[in-house]
Amino acid sequence: MSDDWNTVTVIGNRRGGAQGGGGGKERQVNLARRQGTAVSTEGKYGAGGNTQKGTSLNTAKLDAETEELRHKSMDLNVGKLIAQGRQAKEMSQKDLATKICEKPQIVTEYEQGKGIPNQQILAKMERALGMKLRGKDKGKPLDAKPGKANKK
């Protein structure tokens, strides 16, 4: 085969033809072998070089980590304050959620003490409920800022 530069054997075509395309390469190679044609197969050089095998340094560090890492969660007292303020205004969890433009699930998680604290969401809840949920004086009425209320 090394002397014959002019003969080219093409096995199959891109259209698939009568074989229907798909996984016919192995079938075509076997057919060529049965007909007595010289068949050579070569593995692609560097094939599969894009796979990510093995462990990286970060993975090893995470495996060696013994400390249990968790997100901060809401204080249960704040959750109770949210529920009390909501019930005082006669709002359901869904009503509060729509008022602060959040999902009802977030209000539920905050009330149960399972939510991850977000200062923006807490600020929206403070304004909607009219009570402080952060800082030292939690549960006290939210003071309206005098500078903004008197402007016309």
Protein backbone atom coordinates (compact mmCIF):
# COMPACT_ATOMS: atom_id res chain seq x y z
CA MET A 1 0.00 0.00 0.00
CA SER A 2 2.97 2.30 0.46
CA ASP A 3 3.73 2.20 -3.34
CA ASP A 4 0.21 2.99 -4.45
CA TRP A 5 -0.36 6.74 -4.06
CA ASN A 6 -3.13 7.05 -6.63
CA THR A 7 -5.76 4.65 -5.29
CA VAL A 8 -8.08 6.05 -2.69
CA THR A 9 -10.65 3.92 -0.93
CA VAL A 10 -13.58 5.89 0.45
CA ILE A 11 -15.76 4.05 2.88
CA GLY A 12 -19.19 5.58 3.15
CA ASN A 13 -20.23 9.13 2.52
CA ARG A 14 -21.67 11.93 4.60
CA ARG A 15 -25.22 11.47 3.34
CA GLY A 16 -25.54 7.92 4.61
CA GLY A 17 -27.25 6.71 1.43
CA ALA A 18 -29.12 3.40 1.57
CA GLN A 19 -27.49 2.40 4.84
CA GLY A 20 -29.46 5.10 6.64
CA GLY A 21 -26.45 6.88 8.09
CA GLY A 22 -25.60 6.69 11.74
CA GLY A 23 -23.36 3.98 13.21
CA GLY A 24 -22.50 2.31 9.89
CA LYS A 25 -18.73 2.83 10.01
CA GLU A 26 -18.01 -0.54 11.60
CA ARG A 27 -20.36 -2.26 9.15
CA GLN A 28 -18.66 -0.54 6.22
CA VAL A 29 -15.21 -1.57 7.42
CA ASN A 30 -16.37 -5.20 7.74
CA LEU A 31 -17.89 -5.05 4.25
CA ALA A 32 -14.61 -3.78 2.82
CA ARG A 33 -12.70 -6.59 4.56
CA ARG A 34 -15.09 -9.20 3.13
CA GLN A 35 -14.54 -7.85 -0.37
CA GLY A 36 -10.79 -8.27 0.05
CA THR A 37 -9.94 -4.58 0.05
CA ALA A 38 -6.97 -3.57 2.16
CA VAL A 39 -8.26 -1.78 5.19
CA SER A 40 -6.20 0.20 7.65
CA THR A 41 -7.58 1.92 10.68
CA GLU A 42 -5.75 4.55 12.67
CA GLY A 43 -6.52 6.08 16.01
CA LYS A 44 -6.68 9.84 16.05
CA TYR A 45 -3.60 11.47 17.47
CA GLY A 46 -4.42 13.26 20.70
CA ALA A 47 -8.04 12.11 20.68
CA GLY A 48 -9.87 12.81 23.89
CA GLY A 49 -7.41 15.48 24.92
CA ASN A 50 -10.25 17.70 26.05
CA THR A 51 -11.40 15.36 28.83
CA GLN A 52 -10.88 16.46 32.40
CA LYS A 53 -9.57 13.52 34.34
CA GLY A 54 -7.78 13.37 37.61
CA THR A 55 -8.05 15.67 40.58
CA SER A 56 -6.95 19.24 40.72
CA LEU A 57 -5.41 20.95 43.71
CA ASN A 58 -8.70 22.59 44.65
CA THR A 59 -10.45 19.22 44.73
CA ALA A 60 -7.74 17.84 47.00
CA LYS A 61 -8.10 20.83 49.32
CA LEU A 62 -11.87 20.37 49.48
CA ASP A 63 -11.45 16.67 50.27
CA ALA A 64 -8.98 17.44 53.05
CA GLU A 65 -11.27 20.13 54.51
CA THR A 66 -12.59 19.01 57.87
CA GLU A 67 -14.53 22.13 58.83
CA GLU A 68 -18.23 22.03 58.05
CA LEU A 69 -19.05 25.04 55.89
CA ARG A 70 -22.63 26.35 55.77
CA HIS A 71 -24.47 29.49 54.70
CA LYS A 72 -25.67 31.85 57.37
CA SER A 73 -29.35 31.40 58.08
CA MET A 74 -31.97 33.72 59.49
CA ASP A 75 -32.43 34.08 63.22
CA LEU A 76 -35.69 32.42 64.29
CA ASN A 77 -36.61 35.53 66.31
CA VAL A 78 -36.58 37.59 63.12
CA GLY A 79 -38.82 34.99 61.48
CA LYS A 80 -41.30 35.28 64.33
CA LEU A 81 -41.22 39.08 64.06
CA ILE A 82 -41.96 38.86 60.33
CA ALA A 83 -44.91 36.53 61.00
CA GLN A 84 -46.26 38.79 63.79
CA GLY A 85 -45.94 41.94 61.69
CA ARG A 86 -47.58 40.24 58.72
CA GLN A 87 -50.49 38.99 60.83
CA ALA A 88 -50.90 42.41 62.46
CA LYS A 89 -51.39 43.90 59.00
CA GLU A 90 -53.68 40.96 58.09
CA MET A 91 -51.51 39.87 55.17
CA SER A 92 -50.85 36.35 53.93
CA GLN A 93 -47.35 35.23 53.03
CA LYS A 94 -48.31 35.56 49.38
CA ASP A 95 -49.57 39.14 49.92
CA LEU A 96 -46.32 40.13 51.59
CA ALA A 97 -44.30 38.47 48.85
CA THR A 98 -46.15 40.34 46.09
CA LYS A 99 -45.81 43.61 48.01
CA ILE A 100 -42.03 43.26 48.22
CA CYS A 101 -41.72 41.73 44.70
CA GLU A 102 -40.34 38.38 45.86
CA LYS A 103 -41.49 34.76 45.68
CA PRO A 104 -43.79 33.47 48.46
CA GLN A 105 -41.22 30.75 49.12
CA ILE A 106 -38.72 33.40 50.29
CA VAL A 107 -41.18 34.79 52.85
CA THR A 108 -41.83 31.24 54.10
CA GLU A 109 -38.10 30.49 54.40
CA TYR A 110 -37.47 33.75 56.27
CA GLU A 111 -40.29 33.05 58.72
CA GLN A 112 -39.03 29.52 59.36
CA GLY A 113 -35.47 30.78 59.89
CA LYS A 114 -34.14 28.80 56.92
CA GLY A 115 -33.55 31.64 54.46
CA ILE A 116 -30.15 33.09 53.67
CA PRO A 117 -30.19 36.66 55.01
CA ASN A 118 -30.31 39.31 52.30
CA GLN A 119 -30.20 42.91 53.47
CA GLN A 120 -32.19 44.18 50.48
CA ILE A 121 -35.05 41.74 51.10
CA LEU A 122 -35.02 42.54 54.82
CA ALA A 123 -35.18 46.27 54.02
CA LYS A 124 -38.18 45.68 51.73
CA MET A 125 -39.90 43.64 54.45
CA GLU A 126 -39.20 46.38 57.03
CA ARG A 127 -40.87 48.98 54.81
CA ALA A 128 -43.83 46.71 53.99
CA LEU A 129 -44.44 45.69 57.62
CA GLY A 130 -43.51 49.04 59.19
CA MET A 131 -41.22 47.47 61.80
CA LYS A 132 -37.49 47.06 62.25
CA LEU A 133 -36.11 43.60 61.54
CA ARG A 134 -32.39 44.45 61.79
CA GLY A 135 -30.15 46.08 64.36
CA LYS A 136 -30.59 46.52 68.10
CA ASP A 137 -34.22 47.56 68.23
CA LYS A 138 -35.82 44.66 66.33
CA GLY A 139 -39.60 44.61 66.47
CA LYS A 140 -39.99 48.33 67.13
CA PRO A 141 -41.96 50.48 64.69
CA LEU A 142 -40.04 51.77 61.73
CA ASP A 143 -39.58 55.53 62.08
CA ALA A 144 -40.46 57.50 58.96
CA LYS A 145 -37.59 59.78 58.05
CA PRO A 146 -38.77 63.36 58.68
CA GLY A 147 -36.69 64.83 55.85
CA LYS A 148 -38.47 62.87 53.12
CA ALA A 149 -42.02 63.01 54.49
CA ASN A 150 -42.26 66.82 54.58
CA LYS A 151 -40.86 67.50 51.10
CA LYS A 152 -43.33 68.67 48.45
